[in-house]
C-alpha atoms as a PDB file:
ATOM      1  CA  MET A   1      81.630 119.567 100.181  1.00  0.00           C
ATOM      2  CA  MET A   2      82.693 118.588  96.431  1.00  0.00           C
ATOM      3  CA  TYR A   3      84.991 115.045  95.717  1.00  0.00           C
ATOM      4  CA  LYS A   4      86.345 115.072  92.279  1.00  0.00           C
ATOM      5  CA  ILE A   5      87.478 111.862  91.088  1.00  0.00           C
ATOM      6  CA  PRO A   6      91.399 111.807  90.118  1.00  0.00           C
ATOM      7  CA  GLY A   7      91.738 109.527  87.415  1.00  0.00           C
ATOM      8  CA  HIS A   8      91.729 105.431  87.502  1.00  0.00           C
ATOM      9  CA  HIS A   9      92.688 103.287  90.253  1.00  0.00           C
ATOM     10  CA  HIS A  10      92.629  99.857  88.584  1.00  0.00           C
ATOM     11  CA  ILE A  11      91.650  98.124  85.365  1.00  0.00           C
ATOM     12  CA  SER A  12      90.772  94.303  85.832  1.00  0.00           C
ATOM     13  CA  MET A  13      90.989  91.165  83.558  1.00  0.00           C
ATOM     14  CA  ILE A  14      90.269  87.563  83.291  1.00  0.00           C
ATOM     15  CA  THR A  15      93.285  85.562  81.963  1.00  0.00           C
ATOM     16  CA  LYS A  16      93.256  81.486  81.498  1.00  0.00           C
ATOM     17  CA  ASP A  17      96.821  80.616  81.617  1.00  0.00           C
ATOM     18  CA  ALA A  18      98.949  83.030  85.151  1.00  0.00           C
ATOM     19  CA  SER A  19     102.463  81.921  83.324  1.00  0.00           C
ATOM     20  CA  GLN A  20     101.768  83.807  80.116  1.00  0.00           C
ATOM     21  CA  ASN A  21     100.588  86.476  80.850  1.00  0.00           C
ATOM     22  CA  ASN A  22     103.241  87.264  83.550  1.00  0.00           C
ATOM     23  CA  HIS A  23     105.521  86.660  80.700  1.00  0.00           C
ATOM     24  CA  PHE A  24     103.971  89.457  78.641  1.00  0.00           C
ATOM     25  CA  TYR A  25     102.687  92.274  80.985  1.00  0.00           C
ATOM     26  CA  ARG A  26     106.306  91.631  82.645  1.00  0.00           C
ATOM     27  CA  LYS A  27     108.684  90.151  80.316  1.00  0.00           C
ATOM     28  CA  ILE A  28     107.486  91.913  77.162  1.00  0.00           C
ATOM     29  CA  LEU A  29     105.505  95.118  77.964  1.00  0.00           C
ATOM     30  CA  GLY A  30     108.006  95.752  80.966  1.00  0.00           C
ATOM     31  CA  LEU A  31     105.858  96.365  83.754  1.00  0.00           C
ATOM     32  CA  ARG A  32     106.448  95.516  87.043  1.00  0.00           C
ATOM     33  CA  ARG A  33     104.951  92.881  88.730  1.00  0.00           C
ATOM     34  CA  ALA A  34     103.473  94.493  91.771  1.00  0.00           C
ATOM     35  CA  LYS A  35     101.843  91.883  93.690  1.00  0.00           C
ATOM     36  CA  ILE A  36     100.662  88.066  93.391  1.00  0.00           C
ATOM     37  CA  THR A  37      97.850  87.018  95.679  1.00  0.00           C
ATOM     38  CA  VAL A  38      94.454  85.613  95.523  1.00  0.00           C
ATOM     39  CA  ASN A  39      91.228  86.814  94.889  1.00  0.00           C
ATOM     40  CA  GLN A  40      89.417  87.049  97.858  1.00  0.00           C
ATOM     41  CA  ASP A  41      86.122  86.183  96.840  1.00  0.00           C
ATOM     42  CA  ASP A  42      87.593  82.689  95.381  1.00  0.00           C
ATOM     43  CA  THR A  43      90.484  82.089  96.721  1.00  0.00           C
ATOM     44  CA  SER A  44      91.013  79.123  94.379  1.00  0.00           C
ATOM     45  CA  MET A  45      92.802  81.447  91.489  1.00  0.00           C
ATOM     46  CA  TYR A  46      95.655  84.125  91.521  1.00  0.00           C
ATOM     47  CA  HIS A  47      94.766  87.498  91.331  1.00  0.00           C
ATOM     48  CA  LEU A  48      98.217  89.359  90.397  1.00  0.00           C
ATOM     49  CA  PHE A  49      98.720  93.044  89.612  1.00  0.00           C
ATOM     50  CA  PHE A  50     101.090  94.839  87.634  1.00  0.00           C
ATOM     51  CA  GLY A  51     102.334  98.283  87.167  1.00  0.00           C
ATOM     52  CA  ASP A  52     104.805 100.593  87.952  1.00  0.00           C
ATOM     53  CA  LYS A  53     107.888 100.326  90.768  1.00  0.00           C
ATOM     54  CA  THR A  54     104.999 100.084  93.221  1.00  0.00           C
ATOM     55  CA  GLY A  55     102.090  99.109  91.614  1.00  0.00           C
ATOM     56  CA  SER A  56     100.744 102.523  92.223  1.00  0.00           C
ATOM     57  CA  PRO A  57      96.968 103.834  91.379  1.00  0.00           C
ATOM     58  CA  GLY A  58      96.512 104.685  87.866  1.00  0.00           C
ATOM     59  CA  THR A  59      99.102 101.816  86.781  1.00  0.00           C
ATOM     60  CA  GLU A  60      97.279  99.107  87.683  1.00  0.00           C
ATOM     61  CA  LEU A  61      96.516  96.188  85.305  1.00  0.00           C
ATOM     62  CA  SER A  62      94.839  92.913  87.386  1.00  0.00           C
ATOM     63  CA  PHE A  63      94.151  89.896  86.405  1.00  0.00           C
ATOM     64  CA  PHE A  64      92.393  86.889  87.650  1.00  0.00           C
ATOM     65  CA  GLU A  65      93.806  83.061  86.632  1.00  0.00           C
ATOM     66  CA  ILE A  66      90.664  81.024  85.962  1.00  0.00           C
ATOM     67  CA  PRO A  67      91.910  78.105  84.034  1.00  0.00           C
ATOM     68  CA  MET A  68      88.616  76.406  83.288  1.00  0.00           C
ATOM     69  CA  VAL A  69      87.417  79.842  81.164  1.00  0.00           C
ATOM     70  CA  GLY A  70      86.167  79.594  77.681  1.00  0.00           C
ATOM     71  CA  ARG A  71      86.711  82.116  74.954  1.00  0.00           C
ATOM     72  CA  THR A  72      85.383  85.600  74.245  1.00  0.00           C
ATOM     73  CA  TYR A  73      82.312  86.409  72.392  1.00  0.00           C
ATOM     74  CA  ARG A  74      82.601  89.848  71.685  1.00  0.00           C
ATOM     75  CA  GLY A  75      79.902  92.331  71.333  1.00  0.00           C
ATOM     76  CA  THR A  76      78.295  95.322  73.203  1.00  0.00           C
ATOM     77  CA  ASN A  77      77.585  96.590  76.737  1.00  0.00           C
ATOM     78  CA  ALA A  78      81.664  95.474  77.661  1.00  0.00           C
ATOM     79  CA  ILE A  79      84.501  97.262  78.256  1.00  0.00           C
ATOM     80  CA  THR A  80      86.450  96.831  75.363  1.00  0.00           C
ATOM     81  CA  ARG A  81      89.771  98.396  74.654  1.00  0.00           C
ATOM     82  CA  ILE A  82      92.686 100.070  77.655  1.00  0.00           C
ATOM     83  CA  GLY A  83      95.073 102.875  76.865  1.00  0.00           C
ATOM     84  CA  LEU A  84      98.053 102.670  77.901  1.00  0.00           C
ATOM     85  CA  LEU A  85     100.331 106.059  78.450  1.00  0.00           C
ATOM     86  CA  VAL A  86     103.582 106.266  76.617  1.00  0.00           C
ATOM     87  CA  PRO A  87     105.921 109.431  77.108  1.00  0.00           C
ATOM     88  CA  THR A  88     106.671 110.158  72.993  1.00  0.00           C
ATOM     89  CA  VAL A  89     105.992 109.384  68.945  1.00  0.00           C
ATOM     90  CA  ASP A  90     109.478 107.738  69.453  1.00  0.00           C
ATOM     91  CA  SER A  91     108.575 105.454  72.144  1.00  0.00           C
ATOM     92  CA  LEU A  92     105.773 104.691  69.971  1.00  0.00           C
ATOM     93  CA  ILE A  93     108.155 103.806  67.019  1.00  0.00           C
ATOM     94  CA  TYR A  94     109.949 101.375  69.695  1.00  0.00           C
ATOM     95  CA  TRP A  95     107.012  99.379  70.739  1.00  0.00           C
ATOM     96  CA  GLN A  96     105.962  98.878  67.105  1.00  0.00           C
ATOM     97  CA  GLN A  97     109.560  97.465  66.580  1.00  0.00           C
ATOM     98  CA  ARG A  98     109.841  95.582  70.288  1.00  0.00           C
ATOM     99  CA  LEU A  99     106.274  94.384  70.080  1.00  0.00           C
ATOM    100  CA  GLU A 100     107.169  93.233  65.988  1.00  0.00           C
ATOM    101  CA  ASP A 101     110.599  91.539  67.737  1.00  0.00           C
ATOM    102  CA  PHE A 102     107.717  89.242  70.168  1.00  0.00           C
ATOM    103  CA  GLY A 103     106.222  88.150  67.003  1.00  0.00           C
ATOM    104  CA  VAL A 104     103.045  90.534  68.063  1.00  0.00           C
ATOM    105  CA  GLU A 105     100.846  92.266  65.651  1.00  0.00           C
ATOM    106  CA  THR A 106     100.282  96.341  65.857  1.00  0.00           C
ATOM    107  CA  SER A 107      98.296  98.789  63.887  1.00  0.00           C
ATOM    108  CA  HIS A 108     100.389 101.459  61.719  1.00  0.00           C
ATOM    109  CA  ILE A 109     101.076 104.901  64.387  1.00  0.00           C
ATOM    110  CA  THR A 110      96.976 106.125  64.285  1.00  0.00           C
ATOM    111  CA  LYS A 111      94.619 106.996  66.224  1.00  0.00           C
ATOM    112  CA  PHE A 112      92.122 106.099  69.193  1.00  0.00           C
ATOM    113  CA  ALA A 113      90.049 108.612  71.027  1.00  0.00           C
ATOM    114  CA  ASN A 114      92.233 111.408  69.501  1.00  0.00           C
ATOM    115  CA  HIS A 115      94.986 110.620  71.024  1.00  0.00           C
ATOM    116  CA  THR A 116      98.630 109.240  68.444  1.00  0.00           C
ATOM    117  CA  SER A 117      98.577 105.671  68.682  1.00  0.00           C
ATOM    118  CA  ILE A 118      98.876 101.716  68.147  1.00  0.00           C
ATOM    119  CA  LEU A 119      97.215  99.868  68.898  1.00  0.00           C
ATOM    120  CA  PHE A 120      97.529  95.255  70.068  1.00  0.00           C
ATOM    121  CA  GLU A 121      95.977  92.860  72.041  1.00  0.00           C
ATOM    122  CA  ASP A 122      97.627  90.835  74.741  1.00  0.00           C
ATOM    123  CA  PRO A 123      97.723  86.668  73.396  1.00  0.00           C
ATOM    124  CA  GLU A 124      94.233  85.712  75.311  1.00  0.00           C
ATOM    125  CA  GLY A 125      92.676  88.852  72.424  1.00  0.00           C
ATOM    126  CA  LEU A 126      92.773  91.507  75.422  1.00  0.00           C
ATOM    127  CA  ARG A 127      92.368  94.643  72.844  1.00  0.00           C
ATOM    128  CA  LEU A 128      94.665  97.576  74.140  1.00  0.00           C
ATOM    129  CA  ALA A 129      96.175 100.514  72.990  1.00  0.00           C
ATOM    130  CA  LEU A 130      99.607 102.691  73.797  1.00  0.00           C
ATOM    131  CA  ILE A 131      98.753 106.661  73.958  1.00  0.00           C
ATOM    132  CA  VAL A 132     101.535 109.768  73.191  1.00  0.00           C
ATOM    133  CA  SER A 133     100.725 111.155  76.384  1.00  0.00           C
ATOM    134  CA  ASN A 134     103.140 114.655  76.347  1.00  0.00           C
ATOM    135  CA  GLY A 135     104.065 114.435  79.985  1.00  0.00           C
ATOM    136  CA  LYS A 136     100.519 113.621  80.871  1.00  0.00           C
ATOM    137  CA  LYS A 137     101.521 110.867  83.499  1.00  0.00           C
ATOM    138  CA  VAL A 138     100.546 110.330  86.897  1.00  0.00           C
ATOM    139  CA  ASP A 139     102.354 112.257  89.507  1.00  0.00           C
ATOM    140  CA  HIS A 140     103.165 109.571  91.370  1.00  0.00           C
ATOM    141  CA  TRP A 141     103.921 106.962  89.084  1.00  0.00           C
ATOM    142  CA  GLU A 142     107.146 105.691  89.089  1.00  0.00           C
ATOM    143  CA  THR A 143     110.181 104.216  86.866  1.00  0.00           C
ATOM    144  CA  TRP A 144     110.395 100.548  87.592  1.00  0.00           C
ATOM    145  CA  GLU A 145     114.520 100.521  87.234  1.00  0.00           C
ATOM    146  CA  LYS A 146     114.828  96.667  86.433  1.00  0.00           C
ATOM    147  CA  SER A 147     112.408  96.371  83.728  1.00  0.00           C
ATOM    148  CA  GLU A 148     113.416  95.426  80.414  1.00  0.00           C
ATOM    149  CA  VAL A 149     112.508  98.150  78.736  1.00  0.00           C
ATOM    150  CA  PRO A 150     114.312 101.580  79.048  1.00  0.00           C
ATOM    151  CA  ALA A 151     113.001 104.307  81.081  1.00  0.00           C
ATOM    152  CA  GLU A 152     112.462 106.735  78.243  1.00  0.00           C
ATOM    153  CA  HIS A 153     109.679 104.085  77.048  1.00  0.00           C
ATOM    154  CA  GLN A 154     108.007 102.878  79.952  1.00  0.00           C
ATOM    155  CA  ILE A 155     104.400 103.047  79.991  1.00  0.00           C
ATOM    156  CA  GLN A 156     103.568 105.158  82.427  1.00  0.00           C
ATOM    157  CA  GLY A 157      99.939 104.381  83.544  1.00  0.00           C
ATOM    158  CA  MET A 158      96.494 104.224  81.332  1.00  0.00           C
ATOM    159  CA  GLY A 159      95.486 106.812  79.774  1.00  0.00           C
ATOM    160  CA  ALA A 160      91.430 106.419  77.943  1.00  0.00           C
ATOM    161  CA  VAL A 161      89.489 102.770  78.801  1.00  0.00           C
ATOM    162  CA  GLU A 162      86.780 102.591  75.751  1.00  0.00           C
ATOM    163  CA  ILE A 163      83.816 100.636  76.833  1.00  0.00           C
ATOM    164  CA  THR A 164      81.152 100.057  74.352  1.00  0.00           C
ATOM    165  CA  VAL A 165      77.515 100.488  75.305  1.00  0.00           C
ATOM    166  CA  ARG A 166      73.745 100.220  73.946  1.00  0.00           C
ATOM    167  CA  ARG A 167      72.861 103.173  75.814  1.00  0.00           C
ATOM    168  CA  LEU A 168      75.484 105.595  75.447  1.00  0.00           C
ATOM    169  CA  ASP A 169      73.802 108.220  77.179  1.00  0.00           C
ATOM    170  CA  LYS A 170      72.698 106.516  80.154  1.00  0.00           C
ATOM    171  CA  LEU A 171      76.627 105.588  80.899  1.00  0.00           C
ATOM    172  CA  ALA A 172      77.419 109.614  79.725  1.00  0.00           C
ATOM    173  CA  ASN A 173      74.526 110.874  82.694  1.00  0.00           C
ATOM    174  CA  THR A 174      76.137 108.232  85.116  1.00  0.00           C
ATOM    175  CA  LEU A 175      79.927 109.566  84.538  1.00  0.00           C
ATOM    176  CA  THR A 176      78.635 113.393  84.502  1.00  0.00           C
ATOM    177  CA  ASP A 177      75.785 113.842  86.862  1.00  0.00           C
ATOM    178  CA  ILE A 178      76.731 111.323  89.476  1.00  0.00           C
ATOM    179  CA  PHE A 179      80.473 111.804  89.257  1.00  0.00           C
ATOM    180  CA  GLY A 180      81.807 115.293  87.967  1.00  0.00           C
ATOM    181  CA  TYR A 181      83.067 113.444  84.721  1.00  0.00           C
ATOM    182  CA  VAL A 182      83.954 116.666  81.829  1.00  0.00           C
ATOM    183  CA  GLU A 183      81.936 115.789  77.586  1.00  0.00           C
ATOM    184  CA  VAL A 184      84.816 117.101  76.250  1.00  0.00           C
ATOM    185  CA  SER A 185      83.772 115.305  72.994  1.00  0.00           C
ATOM    186  CA  ARG A 186      80.461 113.987  71.483  1.00  0.00           C
ATOM    187  CA  THR A 187      79.963 112.670  67.902  1.00  0.00           C
ATOM    188  CA  GLU A 188      76.758 110.413  66.894  1.00  0.00           C
ATOM    189  CA  GLU A 189      78.535 107.166  67.656  1.00  0.00           C
ATOM    190  CA  GLU A 190      81.131 107.891  70.465  1.00  0.00           C
ATOM    191  CA  ALA A 191      81.828 110.251  73.164  1.00  0.00           C
ATOM    192  CA  VAL A 192      85.206 111.363  75.790  1.00  0.00           C
ATOM    193  CA  PHE A 193      84.822 111.798  79.659  1.00  0.00           C
ATOM    194  CA  GLN A 194      87.577 113.201  81.520  1.00  0.00           C
ATOM    195  CA  SER A 195      87.481 112.827  85.117  1.00  0.00           C
ATOM    196  CA  ILE A 196      89.780 115.699  85.451  1.00  0.00           C
ATOM    197  CA  GLU A 197      89.551 118.358  81.745  1.00  0.00           C
ATOM    198  CA  GLY A 198      92.230 117.942  80.071  1.00  0.00           C
ATOM    199  CA  GLU A 199      93.595 115.016  81.798  1.00  0.00           C
ATOM    200  CA  LEU A 200      94.952 111.172  79.840  1.00  0.00           C
ATOM    201  CA  PHE A 201      94.737 108.921  83.223  1.00  0.00           C
ATOM    202  CA  GLY A 202      91.437 109.738  83.658  1.00  0.00           C
ATOM    203  CA  GLU A 203      89.700 109.099  80.566  1.00  0.00           C
ATOM    204  CA  ILE A 204      86.972 106.645  78.957  1.00  0.00           C
ATOM    205  CA  VAL A 205      85.681 107.039  75.186  1.00  0.00           C
ATOM    206  CA  VAL A 206      82.072 105.240  75.352  1.00  0.00           C
ATOM    207  CA  LYS A 207      81.444 104.269  72.087  1.00  0.00           C
ATOM    208  CA  TYR A 208      77.915 103.515  71.094  1.00  0.00           C
ATOM    209  CA  LEU A 209      77.240 100.025  69.623  1.00  0.00           C
ATOM    210  CA  GLU A 210      73.506  97.859  69.216  1.00  0.00           C
ATOM    211  CA  GLY A 211      74.006  93.897  69.192  1.00  0.00           C
ATOM    212  CA  GLU A 212      74.462  91.140  71.384  1.00  0.00           C
ATOM    213  CA  SER A 213      75.744  91.715  74.809  1.00  0.00           C
ATOM    214  CA  GLU A 214      79.808  90.559  75.376  1.00  0.00           C
ATOM    215  CA  ARG A 215      79.899  87.185  76.791  1.00  0.00           C
ATOM    216  CA  PRO A 216      83.361  87.014  78.479  1.00  0.00           C
ATOM    217  CA  GLY A 217      86.007  84.789  78.580  1.00  0.00           C
ATOM    218  CA  ARG A 218      89.624  84.928  78.577  1.00  0.00           C
ATOM    219  CA  GLY A 219      91.090  88.809  77.735  1.00  0.00           C
ATOM    220  CA  SER A 220      87.983  90.205  78.748  1.00  0.00           C
ATOM    221  CA  VAL A 221      87.870  92.679  80.948  1.00  0.00           C
ATOM    222  CA  HIS A 222      85.939  92.326  84.245  1.00  0.00           C
ATOM    223  CA  HIS A 223      85.473  95.985  85.926  1.00  0.00           C
ATOM    224  CA  LEU A 224      87.018  99.415  85.586  1.00  0.00           C
ATOM    225  CA  ALA A 225      87.975 100.670  89.659  1.00  0.00           C
ATOM    226  CA  ILE A 226      88.199 105.147  89.870  1.00  0.00           C
ATOM    227  CA  ARG A 227      90.039 106.607  92.446  1.00  0.00           C
ATOM    228  CA  VAL A 228      89.077 108.225  95.680  1.00  0.00           C
ATOM    229  CA  LYS A 229      91.408 109.831  97.819  1.00  0.00           C
ATOM    230  CA  ASN A 230      90.191 108.282 101.224  1.00  0.00           C
ATOM    231  CA  ASP A 231      87.404 106.304 103.138  1.00  0.00           C
ATOM    232  CA  GLU A 232      85.503 109.791 104.324  1.00  0.00           C
ATOM    233  CA  GLU A 233      85.575 110.608 100.035  1.00  0.00           C
ATOM    234  CA  LEU A 234      84.136 106.508  99.561  1.00  0.00           C
ATOM    235  CA  GLU A 235      81.304 106.758 101.850  1.00  0.00           C
ATOM    236  CA  HIS A 236      80.795 109.825 100.370  1.00  0.00           C
ATOM    237  CA  TRP A 237      80.500 107.887  96.667  1.00  0.00           C
ATOM    238  CA  GLU A 238      78.115 105.153  98.303  1.00  0.00           C
ATOM    239  CA  ARG A 239      75.789 107.553  99.271  1.00  0.00           C
ATOM    240  CA  GLN A 240      75.891 109.124  95.647  1.00  0.00           C
ATOM    241  CA  ILE A 241      75.165 105.866  93.832  1.00  0.00           C
ATOM    242  CA  ARG A 242      72.454 104.463  96.285  1.00  0.00           C
ATOM    243  CA  ALA A 243      70.643 107.693  96.189  1.00  0.00           C
ATOM    244  CA  ARG A 244      70.777 107.602  92.713  1.00  0.00           C
ATOM    245  CA  GLY A 245      69.093 103.904  92.578  1.00  0.00           C
ATOM    246  CA  PHE A 246      72.555 102.003  91.524  1.00  0.00           C
ATOM    247  CA  GLN A 247      72.504  99.440  94.290  1.00  0.00           C
ATOM    248  CA  SER A 248      75.785  99.434  95.968  1.00  0.00           C
ATOM    249  CA  SER A 249      77.987  95.907  96.734  1.00  0.00           C
ATOM    250  CA  GLY A 250      78.805  97.921  99.936  1.00  0.00           C
ATOM    251  CA  ILE A 251      82.129  98.918 101.755  1.00  0.00           C
ATOM    252  CA  VAL A 252      85.026  95.965 101.275  1.00  0.00           C
ATOM    253  CA  ASP A 253      87.966  96.073 102.768  1.00  0.00           C
ATOM    254  CA  ARG A 254      90.244  94.724 100.110  1.00  0.00           C
ATOM    255  CA  PHE A 255      93.383  95.366 102.978  1.00  0.00           C
ATOM    256  CA  TYR A 256      95.377  97.294 100.482  1.00  0.00           C
ATOM    257  CA  PHE A 257      92.427  99.438  99.411  1.00  0.00           C
ATOM    258  CA  LYS A 258      88.859  99.734 100.400  1.00  0.00           C
ATOM    259  CA  SER A 259      86.325  99.733  97.702  1.00  0.00           C
ATOM    260  CA  LEU A 260      82.614  99.331  96.904  1.00  0.00           C
ATOM    261  CA  TYR A 261      81.007  98.158  93.379  1.00  0.00           C
ATOM    262  CA  PHE A 262      78.128  99.129  91.275  1.00  0.00           C
ATOM    263  CA  ARG A 263      76.190  97.836  88.165  1.00  0.00           C
ATOM    264  CA  GLU A 264      75.431 101.069  86.036  1.00  0.00           C
ATOM    265  CA  SER A 265      72.743 100.540  83.223  1.00  0.00           C
ATOM    266  CA  ASN A 266      74.096  98.801  80.871  1.00  0.00           C
ATOM    267  CA  GLY A 267      75.552  96.272  83.143  1.00  0.00           C
ATOM    268  CA  ILE A 268      79.398  97.732  82.808  1.00  0.00           C
ATOM    269  CA  LEU A 269      80.816  96.834  86.401  1.00  0.00           C
ATOM    270  CA  PHE A 270      82.021  99.861  88.176  1.00  0.00           C
ATOM    271  CA  GLU A 271      84.599  99.628  91.122  1.00  0.00           C
ATOM    272  CA  ILE A 272      85.425 102.672  93.460  1.00  0.00           C
ATOM    273  CA  ALA A 273      89.035 102.290  95.450  1.00  0.00           C
ATOM    274  CA  THR A 274      90.869 104.513  97.583  1.00  0.00           C
ATOM    275  CA  ASP A 275      94.313 105.404  97.247  1.00  0.00           C
ATOM    276  CA  GLY A 276      95.564 103.608 100.079  1.00  0.00           C
ATOM    277  CA  PRO A 277      97.501 101.991 102.111  1.00  0.00           C
ATOM    278  CA  GLY A 278      98.859 100.337  98.949  1.00  0.00           C
ATOM    279  CA  PHE A 279     101.004  97.290  97.818  1.00  0.00           C
ATOM    280  CA  MET A 280     103.005  98.084 100.842  1.00  0.00           C
ATOM    281  CA  ALA A 281     101.272  97.497 103.965  1.00  0.00           C
ATOM    282  CA  ASP A 282     101.485  93.792 104.565  1.00  0.00           C
ATOM    283  CA  GLY A 283     105.038  94.216 104.568  1.00  0.00           C
ATOM    284  CA  ASP A 284     106.686  93.208 101.342  1.00  0.00           C
ATOM    285  CA  ASP A 285     109.920  94.952 101.120  1.00  0.00           C
ATOM    286  CA  ILE A 286     110.055  97.732  97.788  1.00  0.00           C
ATOM    287  CA  GLU A 287     112.682  95.607  96.459  1.00  0.00           C
ATOM    288  CA  THR A 288     110.862  92.222  96.398  1.00  0.00           C
ATOM    289  CA  LEU A 289     107.624  93.427  95.558  1.00  0.00           C
ATOM    290  CA  GLY A 290     105.613  91.029  93.920  1.00  0.00           C
ATOM    291  CA  GLU A 291     108.392  88.051  93.954  1.00  0.00           C
ATOM    292  CA  LYS A 292     106.198  86.123  96.003  1.00  0.00           C
ATOM    293  CA  LEU A 293     102.651  84.972  97.529  1.00  0.00           C
ATOM    294  CA  VAL A 294     101.375  87.045  99.503  1.00  0.00           C
ATOM    295  CA  LEU A 295      97.589  87.368 101.490  1.00  0.00           C
ATOM    296  CA  PRO A 296      96.156  90.041 103.645  1.00  0.00           C
ATOM    297  CA  PRO A 297      96.520  89.146 107.291  1.00  0.00           C
ATOM    298  CA  PHE A 298      92.772  87.730 107.206  1.00  0.00           C
ATOM    299  CA  LEU A 299      93.800  84.471 105.219  1.00  0.00           C
ATOM    300  CA  GLU A 300      97.030  83.928 106.745  1.00  0.00           C
ATOM    301  CA  SER A 301      96.420  81.182 108.682  1.00  0.00           C
ATOM    302  CA  ARG A 302      94.500  79.341 105.453  1.00  0.00           C
ATOM    303  CA  ARG A 303      98.183  79.609 103.042  1.00  0.00           C
ATOM    304  CA  ALA A 304      98.883  76.059 103.288  1.00  0.00           C
ATOM    305  CA  GLU A 305      95.211  75.033 101.884  1.00  0.00           C
ATOM    306  CA  ILE A 306      95.401  78.089  99.568  1.00  0.00           C
ATOM    307  CA  GLU A 307      98.440  77.246  97.946  1.00  0.00           C
ATOM    308  CA  ALA A 308      97.628  73.374  97.651  1.00  0.00           C
ATOM    309  CA  LYS A 309      95.181  74.949  94.967  1.00  0.00           C
ATOM    310  CA  LEU A 310      97.462  77.252  93.003  1.00  0.00           C
ATOM    311  CA  LYS A 311      99.716  75.889  89.420  1.00  0.00           C
ATOM    312  CA  PRO A 312     102.733  77.657  90.343  1.00  0.00           C
ATOM    313  CA  ILE A 313     103.546  80.234  87.969  1.00  0.00           C
ATOM    314  CA  VAL A 314     106.474  79.796  85.399  1.00  0.00           C
ATOM    315  CA  GLU A 315     108.905  81.973  84.473  1.00  0.00           C
ATOM    316  CA  TYR A 316     110.205  82.152  80.886  1.00  0.00           C
END
């Protein structure tokens, strides 16, 4: 049986300040904060998820708060820009004005991975792009009615994700030979891959760059997660990864989804994550989703201890 990767699942970054991060992604970018939880491997740090109305796969930007983290020293062998989809060129014009009003510098309308875009950075230097989707949003994306951004200009999930590496062909082979991505363009400096040909929400842009590897810090990307439908598909991909000689974390139950992690030959960390059960699995209500700290059942007995280590998120 042939399985296809339907696109991106989520992407996880490092922030120094959850309150500042929350303000930028919730208030300025207009995303819904779909979950406040903790890093299950280190419960002293917040794990925040922003996305569409339910934080559905393909829309999720996630952040680990590490208050003591230093700056990022940019370099190669890193995930270096995240594309976010918006509906139209009119949306880009709206966003240029909106970001300027909040003191965020943007590029002129330009091309990113051959798509009409504007480029900008969040307060910690995370590089972002808004890309005109021309209607190519994730099928299950839902408008967030309480967003401060009008529905016709809301961010509709993740588009092209840029990865910069020393060995372009190594990553290209991983994407095409293992996961069935289609190479849609290539120059000496850059190749573009799509999990489903013609669809932006599974696009990976691989850039060639020699030099020092990035030293991650605030505003850096920790990993990219790609989607699979269910446990059976996840088990299939784990077998494929191991058969190619890569080490895998094994399947981990994150409660909101199951996943596994592996590093490809340049050291880029990928996660493969199931679509379900999703952020409603803990009984969180659709109206109040993301409003309070929620812990998966296996951490609930430690709530008092966990909350004591977390600094409250300040809304401003």
